[in-house]
PDB file of N, CA and C in Angstrom:
ATOM      1  N   MET A   1     -12.917   1.475   2.716  1.00  0.00           N
ATOM      2  CA  MET A   1     -12.240   2.676   1.767  1.00  0.00           C
ATOM      3  C   MET A   1     -10.828   2.341   3.218  1.00  0.00           C
ATOM      4  N   LYS A   2     -11.152   2.496   4.203  1.00  0.00           N
ATOM      5  CA  LYS A   2     -10.379   2.480   5.429  1.00  0.00           C
ATOM      6  C   LYS A   2      -9.349   0.843   5.504  1.00  0.00           C
ATOM      7  N   LYS A   3     -10.107   0.091   5.114  1.00  0.00           N
ATOM      8  CA  LYS A   3      -9.718  -1.063   5.024  1.00  0.00           C
ATOM      9  C   LYS A   3      -8.877  -1.439   3.794  1.00  0.00           C
ATOM     10  N   LEU A   4      -9.382  -0.897   2.839  1.00  0.00           N
ATOM     11  CA  LEU A   4      -8.170  -0.943   1.628  1.00  0.00           C
ATOM     12  C   LEU A   4      -7.145   0.243   1.712  1.00  0.00           C
ATOM     13  N   PHE A   5      -6.841   1.419   2.510  1.00  0.00           N
ATOM     14  CA  PHE A   5      -5.769   1.754   2.872  1.00  0.00           C
ATOM     15  C   PHE A   5      -5.259   1.242   4.112  1.00  0.00           C
ATOM     16  N   ALA A   6      -5.319   0.174   5.125  1.00  0.00           N
ATOM     17  CA  ALA A   6      -5.089  -0.389   6.062  1.00  0.00           C
ATOM     18  C   ALA A   6      -4.379  -1.376   5.466  1.00  0.00           C
ATOM     19  N   LEU A   7      -4.953  -2.140   4.622  1.00  0.00           N
ATOM     20  CA  LEU A   7      -4.047  -3.354   3.693  1.00  0.00           C
ATOM     21  C   LEU A   7      -2.936  -2.839   2.767  1.00  0.00           C
ATOM     22  N   SER A   8      -3.438  -2.016   2.372  1.00  0.00           N
ATOM     23  CA  SER A   8      -2.152  -1.088   1.304  1.00  0.00           C
ATOM     24  C   SER A   8      -0.856  -0.757   2.473  1.00  0.00           C
ATOM     25  N   LEU A   9      -1.023   0.117   4.094  1.00  0.00           N
ATOM     26  CA  LEU A   9       0.526   0.459   4.478  1.00  0.00           C
ATOM     27  C   LEU A   9       0.166  -0.791   5.134  1.00  0.00           C
ATOM     28  N   ILE A  10      -0.242  -2.098   5.281  1.00  0.00           N
ATOM     29  CA  ILE A  10       0.355  -3.550   5.882  1.00  0.00           C
ATOM     30  C   ILE A  10       1.669  -3.784   4.576  1.00  0.00           C
ATOM     31  N   ALA A  11       0.789  -3.993   3.735  1.00  0.00           N
ATOM     32  CA  ALA A  11       1.813  -4.239   2.082  1.00  0.00           C
ATOM     33  C   ALA A  11       2.807  -3.422   2.187  1.00  0.00           C
ATOM     34  N   LEU A  12       2.850  -2.480   2.307  1.00  0.00           N
ATOM     35  CA  LEU A  12       4.196  -1.303   1.759  1.00  0.00           C
ATOM     36  C   LEU A  12       4.972  -1.216   2.990  1.00  0.00           C
ATOM     37  N   SER A  13       4.422  -1.539   4.021  1.00  0.00           N
ATOM     38  CA  SER A  13       5.779  -2.210   5.240  1.00  0.00           C
ATOM     39  C   SER A  13       6.134  -3.435   4.955  1.00  0.00           C
ATOM     40  N   LEU A  14       5.709  -4.357   4.440  1.00  0.00           N
ATOM     41  CA  LEU A  14       6.320  -5.457   4.369  1.00  0.00           C
ATOM     42  C   LEU A  14       6.946  -5.908   3.135  1.00  0.00           C
ATOM     43  N   THR A  15       6.978  -4.353   2.112  1.00  0.00           N
ATOM     44  CA  THR A  15       7.854  -4.429   0.878  1.00  0.00           C
ATOM     45  C   THR A  15       9.204  -3.991   1.500  1.00  0.00           C
ATOM     46  N   ALA A  16      10.453  -4.435   0.893  1.00  0.00           N
ATOM     47  CA  ALA A  16      11.591  -4.127   1.116  1.00  0.00           C
ATOM     48  C   ALA A  16      11.609  -2.625   0.525  1.00  0.00           C
ATOM     49  N   CYS A  17      12.069  -1.208   0.968  1.00  0.00           N
ATOM     50  CA  CYS A  17      12.165   0.222   0.740  1.00  0.00           C
ATOM     51  C   CYS A  17      13.392   0.326   1.465  1.00  0.00           C
ATOM     52  N   ASN A  18      14.375  -0.141   0.988  1.00  0.00           N
ATOM     53  CA  ASN A  18      15.758   0.440   1.492  1.00  0.00           C
ATOM     54  C   ASN A  18      16.306   1.667   1.103  1.00  0.00           C
ATOM     55  N   THR A  19      15.472   2.740   0.224  1.00  0.00           N
ATOM     56  CA  THR A  19      16.089   4.161   0.457  1.00  0.00           C
ATOM     57  C   THR A  19      14.546   4.600   0.804  1.00  0.00           C
ATOM     58  N   ILE A  20      14.629   6.139   1.260  1.00  0.00           N
ATOM     59  CA  ILE A  20      13.810   6.791   1.290  1.00  0.00           C
ATOM     60  C   ILE A  20      12.944   7.168  -0.141  1.00  0.00           C
ATOM     61  N   GLN A  21      13.736   7.497  -1.186  1.00  0.00           N
ATOM     62  CA  GLN A  21      13.472   7.481  -2.317  1.00  0.00           C
ATOM     63  C   GLN A  21      12.699   6.468  -3.170  1.00  0.00           C
ATOM     64  N   GLY A  22      13.123   5.416  -2.705  1.00  0.00           N
ATOM     65  CA  GLY A  22      12.349   3.911  -3.025  1.00  0.00           C
ATOM     66  C   GLY A  22      10.833   3.854  -2.369  1.00  0.00           C
ATOM     67  N   MET A  23      10.684   4.412  -0.349  1.00  0.00           N
ATOM     68  CA  MET A  23       9.319   4.622  -0.039  1.00  0.00           C
ATOM     69  C   MET A  23       8.619   5.335  -0.796  1.00  0.00           C
ATOM     70  N   GLY A  24       9.016   6.634  -1.234  1.00  0.00           N
ATOM     71  CA  GLY A  24       8.408   7.444  -1.675  1.00  0.00           C
ATOM     72  C   GLY A  24       7.644   7.053  -3.213  1.00  0.00           C
ATOM     73  N   LYS A  25       8.370   6.222  -3.866  1.00  0.00           N
ATOM     74  CA  LYS A  25       7.756   5.596  -4.937  1.00  0.00           C
ATOM     75  C   LYS A  25       6.396   4.788  -4.717  1.00  0.00           C
ATOM     76  N   ASP A  26       6.910   4.083  -3.687  1.00  0.00           N
ATOM     77  CA  ASP A  26       5.534   2.947  -3.083  1.00  0.00           C
ATOM     78  C   ASP A  26       4.767   3.794  -2.322  1.00  0.00           C
ATOM     79  N   VAL A  27       4.759   5.026  -1.858  1.00  0.00           N
ATOM     80  CA  VAL A  27       3.726   6.104  -1.032  1.00  0.00           C
ATOM     81  C   VAL A  27       3.337   6.370  -2.397  1.00  0.00           C
ATOM     82  N   GLU A  28       3.453   6.908  -3.716  1.00  0.00           N
ATOM     83  CA  GLU A  28       2.793   7.660  -5.191  1.00  0.00           C
ATOM     84  C   GLU A  28       1.823   6.413  -5.638  1.00  0.00           C
ATOM     85  N   LYS A  29       2.697   5.051  -5.395  1.00  0.00           N
ATOM     86  CA  LYS A  29       1.973   4.143  -5.984  1.00  0.00           C
ATOM     87  C   LYS A  29       0.749   3.945  -5.159  1.00  0.00           C
ATOM     88  N   LEU A  30       0.966   3.609  -3.751  1.00  0.00           N
ATOM     89  CA  LEU A  30       0.017   3.610  -2.681  1.00  0.00           C
ATOM     90  C   LEU A  30      -1.201   4.826  -2.953  1.00  0.00           C
ATOM     91  N   GLY A  31      -1.071   6.299  -3.340  1.00  0.00           N
ATOM     92  CA  GLY A  31      -2.073   7.119  -3.515  1.00  0.00           C
ATOM     93  C   GLY A  31      -2.693   6.856  -4.689  1.00  0.00           C
ATOM     94  N   GLN A  32      -1.852   6.141  -5.924  1.00  0.00           N
ATOM     95  CA  GLN A  32      -2.464   6.076  -6.740  1.00  0.00           C
ATOM     96  C   GLN A  32      -3.802   5.275  -6.755  1.00  0.00           C
ATOM     97  N   ALA A  33      -3.561   4.272  -6.468  1.00  0.00           N
ATOM     98  CA  ALA A  33      -4.402   2.638  -6.013  1.00  0.00           C
ATOM     99  C   ALA A  33      -5.589   3.602  -5.183  1.00  0.00           C
ATOM    100  N   VAL A  34      -5.311   4.516  -4.331  1.00  0.00           N
ATOM    101  CA  VAL A  34      -6.169   5.030  -3.297  1.00  0.00           C
ATOM    102  C   VAL A  34      -7.032   5.408  -4.165  1.00  0.00           C
ATOM    103  N   GLU A  35      -6.804   6.588  -5.126  1.00  0.00           N
ATOM    104  CA  GLU A  35      -7.459   7.382  -6.014  1.00  0.00           C
ATOM    105  C   GLU A  35      -8.353   6.612  -7.088  1.00  0.00           C
ATOM    106  N   GLY A  36      -7.445   5.866  -6.885  1.00  0.00           N
ATOM    107  CA  GLY A  36      -8.179   4.788  -8.397  1.00  0.00           C
ATOM    108  C   GLY A  36      -9.857   4.420  -7.952  1.00  0.00           C
ATOM    109  N   ALA A  37      -9.499   3.940  -6.685  1.00  0.00           N
ATOM    110  CA  ALA A  37     -10.198   2.879  -5.892  1.00  0.00           C
ATOM    111  C   ALA A  37     -11.422   4.061  -5.641  1.00  0.00           C
ATOM    112  N   GLY A  38     -11.333   5.472  -5.201  1.00  0.00           N
ATOM    113  CA  GLY A  38     -12.165   6.270  -5.406  1.00  0.00           C
ATOM    114  C   GLY A  38     -13.034   6.628  -6.330  1.00  0.00           C
ATOM    115  N   LYS A  39     -12.506   6.755  -7.376  1.00  0.00           N
ATOM    116  CA  LYS A  39     -13.077   6.932  -8.498  1.00  0.00           C
ATOM    117  C   LYS A  39     -14.539   6.133  -9.262  1.00  0.00           C
ATOM    118  N   LYS A  40     -13.744   4.575  -8.271  1.00  0.00           N
ATOM    119  CA  LYS A  40     -15.227   3.510  -8.869  1.00  0.00           C
ATOM    120  C   LYS A  40     -16.324   3.499  -8.129  1.00  0.00           C
TER     121      LYS A  40
END
């Protein structure tokens, strides 16, 4: 689980987030992915 979170943070940092709003959307998607992985 920690590896997934770390890899997701790295991927998030590598994506182009030009605005705070865009970054917020990425963080929201990341949270949904982590939540989905936790339910499996």
